[in-house]
Amino acid sequence: MGNCLVLQEKVVRVMKPDGKILEYKSPIKVHQVLSEFSHHAISDKLPVTKHMNPNADMHQGHLYYLLPLLVPSQQPVKKTKKKVRFSDDVKGGDGVATSGVVRIKLVISKQELQAMMLSNGGLVSVDDMIISEVQKEVNRNTDESCDDKDDAMPPLESN
């Protein structure tokens, strides 16, 4: 066989994060490589102690590492919470209590609403709604306690 002389051009090699190697003709500066990759930096060693200066020269025959920079994530905008006000009297600038509008949310069935509207000629007060709900709860509790008593005592037999 014969002697073979290979002339190889000296190149700068840069390894991307996915392992692919890019080759550039020297002389080249760091910022020229970084112009193709936004949010990246170049290091000459692993593990990375510091990134190379963008104006630094990259030497032929060396392997450099292209590393993604951690972009600070934008913190989500905090939503403002609704303010809830209760039925406390609102005090005016002179310290005198004034009455204000209070909104409440009540969950009732359509039949109960219709019965309330018909009973008072369409005028329903908050007190009426609360009293009707309390009475329903009392009735439920007494029905349950009566059911328990029926189970505990046997019926009386008469002759």
C-alpha atoms as a PDB file:
ATOM      1  CA  MET A   1       0.000   0.000   0.000  1.00  0.00           C
ATOM      2  CA  GLY A   2       1.088   3.535  -0.243  1.00  0.00           C
ATOM      3  CA  ASN A   3       1.396   6.428   2.078  1.00  0.00           C
ATOM      4  CA  CYS A   4      -1.651   8.630   2.251  1.00  0.00           C
ATOM      5  CA  LEU A   5      -1.591  12.233   3.228  1.00  0.00           C
ATOM      6  CA  VAL A   6      -4.923  13.758   4.158  1.00  0.00           C
ATOM      7  CA  LEU A   7      -5.244  17.459   4.399  1.00  0.00           C
ATOM      8  CA  GLN A   8      -8.042  18.243   6.797  1.00  0.00           C
ATOM      9  CA  GLU A   9      -9.240  21.737   7.342  1.00  0.00           C
ATOM     10  CA  LYS A  10      -9.109  22.804  10.966  1.00  0.00           C
ATOM     11  CA  VAL A  11     -12.637  23.396  12.209  1.00  0.00           C
ATOM     12  CA  VAL A  12     -14.364  24.450  15.396  1.00  0.00           C
ATOM     13  CA  ARG A  13     -16.854  21.871  16.622  1.00  0.00           C
ATOM     14  CA  VAL A  14     -19.934  22.787  18.667  1.00  0.00           C
ATOM     15  CA  MET A  15     -22.105  20.116  20.277  1.00  0.00           C
ATOM     16  CA  LYS A  16     -25.814  20.932  20.491  1.00  0.00           C
ATOM     17  CA  PRO A  17     -27.923  19.811  23.485  1.00  0.00           C
ATOM     18  CA  ASP A  18     -29.361  16.934  21.418  1.00  0.00           C
ATOM     19  CA  GLY A  19     -25.845  15.564  20.743  1.00  0.00           C
ATOM     20  CA  LYS A  20     -25.454  16.705  17.133  1.00  0.00           C
ATOM     21  CA  ILE A  21     -22.132  18.298  16.281  1.00  0.00           C
ATOM     22  CA  LEU A  22     -21.907  21.442  14.190  1.00  0.00           C
ATOM     23  CA  GLU A  23     -18.659  22.377  12.456  1.00  0.00           C
ATOM     24  CA  TYR A  24     -17.557  25.923  11.705  1.00  0.00           C
ATOM     25  CA  LYS A  25     -14.489  27.179   9.861  1.00  0.00           C
ATOM     26  CA  SER A  26     -12.074  29.020  12.074  1.00  0.00           C
ATOM     27  CA  PRO A  27     -11.553  31.806  12.969  1.00  0.00           C
ATOM     28  CA  ILE A  28     -14.983  32.378  14.501  1.00  0.00           C
ATOM     29  CA  LYS A  29     -16.227  34.198  17.570  1.00  0.00           C
ATOM     30  CA  VAL A  30     -18.782  32.991  20.100  1.00  0.00           C
ATOM     31  CA  HIS A  31     -21.381  35.627  19.188  1.00  0.00           C
ATOM     32  CA  GLN A  32     -21.329  34.480  15.536  1.00  0.00           C
ATOM     33  CA  VAL A  33     -22.421  30.986  16.576  1.00  0.00           C
ATOM     34  CA  LEU A  34     -24.930  32.309  19.100  1.00  0.00           C
ATOM     35  CA  SER A  35     -26.595  34.458  16.439  1.00  0.00           C
ATOM     36  CA  GLU A  36     -28.200  31.245  15.142  1.00  0.00           C
ATOM     37  CA  PHE A  37     -29.373  30.119  18.581  1.00  0.00           C
ATOM     38  CA  SER A  38     -31.345  32.503  20.737  1.00  0.00           C
ATOM     39  CA  HIS A  39     -31.460  31.852  24.498  1.00  0.00           C
ATOM     40  CA  HIS A  40     -28.289  29.738  24.372  1.00  0.00           C
ATOM     41  CA  ALA A  41     -24.739  30.076  25.651  1.00  0.00           C
ATOM     42  CA  ILE A  42     -21.460  28.353  24.812  1.00  0.00           C
ATOM     43  CA  SER A  43     -19.097  26.685  27.244  1.00  0.00           C
ATOM     44  CA  ASP A  44     -15.730  25.092  26.595  1.00  0.00           C
ATOM     45  CA  LYS A  45     -15.986  22.597  29.472  1.00  0.00           C
ATOM     46  CA  LEU A  46     -18.502  20.264  31.022  1.00  0.00           C
ATOM     47  CA  PRO A  47     -19.671  20.546  33.721  1.00  0.00           C
ATOM     48  CA  VAL A  48     -20.290  24.200  33.049  1.00  0.00           C
ATOM     49  CA  THR A  49     -18.554  26.528  35.462  1.00  0.00           C
ATOM     50  CA  LYS A  50     -19.128  29.646  33.375  1.00  0.00           C
ATOM     51  CA  HIS A  51     -20.227  30.617  29.886  1.00  0.00           C
ATOM     52  CA  MET A  52     -17.822  32.029  27.345  1.00  0.00           C
ATOM     53  CA  ASN A  53     -17.721  35.739  26.603  1.00  0.00           C
ATOM     54  CA  PRO A  54     -19.553  36.544  23.321  1.00  0.00           C
ATOM     55  CA  ASN A  55     -16.439  38.329  21.995  1.00  0.00           C
ATOM     56  CA  ALA A  56     -14.122  35.387  22.737  1.00  0.00           C
ATOM     57  CA  ASP A  57     -12.389  33.561  19.882  1.00  0.00           C
ATOM     58  CA  MET A  58     -13.158  29.885  19.382  1.00  0.00           C
ATOM     59  CA  HIS A  59     -10.015  27.842  18.682  1.00  0.00           C
ATOM     60  CA  GLN A  60      -9.747  25.285  15.916  1.00  0.00           C
ATOM     61  CA  GLY A  61      -9.745  21.641  16.946  1.00  0.00           C
ATOM     62  CA  HIS A  62     -11.604  22.261  20.213  1.00  0.00           C
ATOM     63  CA  LEU A  63     -15.075  20.983  21.080  1.00  0.00           C
ATOM     64  CA  TYR A  64     -17.482  23.519  22.539  1.00  0.00           C
ATOM     65  CA  TYR A  65     -20.897  22.938  24.077  1.00  0.00           C
ATOM     66  CA  LEU A  66     -24.051  24.832  23.146  1.00  0.00           C
ATOM     67  CA  LEU A  67     -26.252  25.089  26.222  1.00  0.00           C
ATOM     68  CA  PRO A  68     -29.793  26.444  26.561  1.00  0.00           C
ATOM     69  CA  LEU A  69     -30.181  29.291  29.011  1.00  0.00           C
ATOM     70  CA  LEU A  70     -32.888  28.996  31.607  1.00  0.00           C
ATOM     71  CA  VAL A  71     -35.416  31.621  30.655  1.00  0.00           C
ATOM     72  CA  PRO A  72     -37.191  32.858  33.763  1.00  0.00           C
ATOM     73  CA  SER A  73     -40.800  31.853  33.350  1.00  0.00           C
ATOM     74  CA  GLN A  74     -43.256  34.645  33.512  1.00  0.00           C
ATOM     75  CA  GLN A  75     -45.142  34.369  36.730  1.00  0.00           C
ATOM     76  CA  PRO A  76     -48.867  34.115  36.154  1.00  0.00           C
ATOM     77  CA  VAL A  77     -50.772  37.257  36.899  1.00  0.00           C
ATOM     78  CA  LYS A  78     -52.433  36.870  40.251  1.00  0.00           C
ATOM     79  CA  LYS A  79     -56.156  37.192  40.015  1.00  0.00           C
ATOM     80  CA  THR A  80     -57.720  39.557  42.460  1.00  0.00           C
ATOM     81  CA  LYS A  81     -60.257  37.919  44.682  1.00  0.00           C
ATOM     82  CA  LYS A  82     -63.711  39.324  45.061  1.00  0.00           C
ATOM     83  CA  LYS A  83     -64.326  41.136  48.273  1.00  0.00           C
ATOM     84  CA  VAL A  84     -67.219  39.780  50.275  1.00  0.00           C
ATOM     85  CA  ARG A  85     -69.112  42.095  52.523  1.00  0.00           C
ATOM     86  CA  PHE A  86     -71.530  40.952  55.140  1.00  0.00           C
ATOM     87  CA  SER A  87     -74.601  42.679  56.478  1.00  0.00           C
ATOM     88  CA  ASP A  88     -72.732  45.003  58.814  1.00  0.00           C
ATOM     89  CA  ASP A  89     -74.015  48.548  58.842  1.00  0.00           C
ATOM     90  CA  VAL A  90     -71.974  50.900  56.725  1.00  0.00           C
ATOM     91  CA  LYS A  91     -70.692  53.886  58.669  1.00  0.00           C
ATOM     92  CA  GLY A  92     -70.651  57.230  56.962  1.00  0.00           C
ATOM     93  CA  GLY A  93     -67.891  59.800  57.209  1.00  0.00           C
ATOM     94  CA  ASP A  94     -69.436  61.325  60.352  1.00  0.00           C
ATOM     95  CA  GLY A  95     -69.514  57.977  62.223  1.00  0.00           C
ATOM     96  CA  VAL A  96     -73.287  57.569  61.948  1.00  0.00           C
ATOM     97  CA  ALA A  97     -74.461  54.131  60.833  1.00  0.00           C
ATOM     98  CA  THR A  98     -76.348  54.144  57.558  1.00  0.00           C
ATOM     99  CA  SER A  99     -78.260  51.304  56.001  1.00  0.00           C
ATOM    100  CA  GLY A 100     -76.921  49.722  52.845  1.00  0.00           C
ATOM    101  CA  VAL A 101     -78.000  47.129  50.344  1.00  0.00           C
ATOM    102  CA  VAL A 102     -77.182  43.557  51.247  1.00  0.00           C
ATOM    103  CA  ARG A 103     -77.276  40.761  48.712  1.00  0.00           C
ATOM    104  CA  ILE A 104     -77.738  37.185  49.803  1.00  0.00           C
ATOM    105  CA  LYS A 105     -77.936  34.002  47.816  1.00  0.00           C
ATOM    106  CA  LEU A 106     -80.595  31.481  48.753  1.00  0.00           C
ATOM    107  CA  VAL A 107     -81.133  28.141  47.083  1.00  0.00           C
ATOM    108  CA  ILE A 108     -84.781  27.063  47.090  1.00  0.00           C
ATOM    109  CA  SER A 109     -86.988  25.075  44.766  1.00  0.00           C
ATOM    110  CA  LYS A 110     -89.378  26.713  42.318  1.00  0.00           C
ATOM    111  CA  GLN A 111     -92.378  25.464  44.277  1.00  0.00           C
ATOM    112  CA  GLU A 112     -91.085  27.042  47.489  1.00  0.00           C
ATOM    113  CA  LEU A 113     -90.470  30.331  45.703  1.00  0.00           C
ATOM    114  CA  GLN A 114     -93.950  30.298  44.208  1.00  0.00           C
ATOM    115  CA  ALA A 115     -95.499  29.574  47.610  1.00  0.00           C
ATOM    116  CA  MET A 116     -93.576  32.470  49.181  1.00  0.00           C
ATOM    117  CA  MET A 117     -94.583  34.865  46.434  1.00  0.00           C
ATOM    118  CA  LEU A 118     -98.262  33.938  46.684  1.00  0.00           C
ATOM    119  CA  SER A 119     -98.418  34.005  50.490  1.00  0.00           C
ATOM    120  CA  ASN A 120     -97.488  37.666  50.964  1.00  0.00           C
ATOM    121  CA  GLY A 121     -98.762  39.216  47.764  1.00  0.00           C
ATOM    122  CA  GLY A 122     -95.336  39.146  46.123  1.00  0.00           C
ATOM    123  CA  LEU A 123     -93.454  40.713  49.045  1.00  0.00           C
ATOM    124  CA  VAL A 124     -91.019  38.384  50.731  1.00  0.00           C
ATOM    125  CA  SER A 125     -88.708  39.439  53.521  1.00  0.00           C
ATOM    126  CA  VAL A 126     -85.405  37.880  54.431  1.00  0.00           C
ATOM    127  CA  ASP A 127     -86.849  36.948  57.809  1.00  0.00           C
ATOM    128  CA  ASP A 128     -89.658  34.984  56.136  1.00  0.00           C
ATOM    129  CA  MET A 129     -87.174  33.010  54.037  1.00  0.00           C
ATOM    130  CA  ILE A 130     -84.953  32.220  57.007  1.00  0.00           C
ATOM    131  CA  ILE A 131     -87.896  31.216  59.196  1.00  0.00           C
ATOM    132  CA  SER A 132     -89.257  28.879  56.512  1.00  0.00           C
ATOM    133  CA  GLU A 133     -85.853  27.200  56.110  1.00  0.00           C
ATOM    134  CA  VAL A 134     -85.460  26.799  59.882  1.00  0.00           C
ATOM    135  CA  GLN A 135     -88.955  25.324  60.162  1.00  0.00           C
ATOM    136  CA  LYS A 136     -88.160  22.798  57.426  1.00  0.00           C
ATOM    137  CA  GLU A 137     -85.010  21.754  59.272  1.00  0.00           C
ATOM    138  CA  VAL A 138     -86.911  21.399  62.551  1.00  0.00           C
ATOM    139  CA  ASN A 139     -89.579  19.320  60.809  1.00  0.00           C
ATOM    140  CA  ARG A 140     -86.937  17.055  59.302  1.00  0.00           C
ATOM    141  CA  ASN A 141     -85.273  16.556  62.678  1.00  0.00           C
ATOM    142  CA  THR A 142     -88.549  15.806  64.457  1.00  0.00           C
ATOM    143  CA  ASP A 143     -89.594  13.385  61.705  1.00  0.00           C
ATOM    144  CA  GLU A 144     -86.301  11.536  62.058  1.00  0.00           C
ATOM    145  CA  SER A 145     -86.577  11.397  65.848  1.00  0.00           C
ATOM    146  CA  CYS A 146     -90.176  10.144  65.601  1.00  0.00           C
ATOM    147  CA  ASP A 147     -89.084   7.430  63.195  1.00  0.00           C
ATOM    148  CA  ASP A 148     -86.442   6.327  65.690  1.00  0.00           C
ATOM    149  CA  LYS A 149     -88.988   6.110  68.519  1.00  0.00           C
ATOM    150  CA  ASP A 150     -91.328   3.973  66.430  1.00  0.00           C
ATOM    151  CA  ASP A 151     -88.580   1.454  65.829  1.00  0.00           C
ATOM    152  CA  ALA A 152     -87.572   1.323  69.511  1.00  0.00           C
ATOM    153  CA  MET A 153     -91.057   0.564  70.979  1.00  0.00           C
ATOM    154  CA  PRO A 154     -93.377  -2.173  69.795  1.00  0.00           C
ATOM    155  CA  PRO A 155     -96.975  -1.177  69.072  1.00  0.00           C
ATOM    156  CA  LEU A 156     -99.496  -1.724  71.903  1.00  0.00           C
ATOM    157  CA  GLU A 157    -102.102  -4.411  71.405  1.00  0.00           C
ATOM    158  CA  SER A 158    -105.637  -3.796  72.513  1.00  0.00           C
ATOM    159  CA  ASN A 159    -108.158  -6.580  73.406  1.00  0.00           C
END
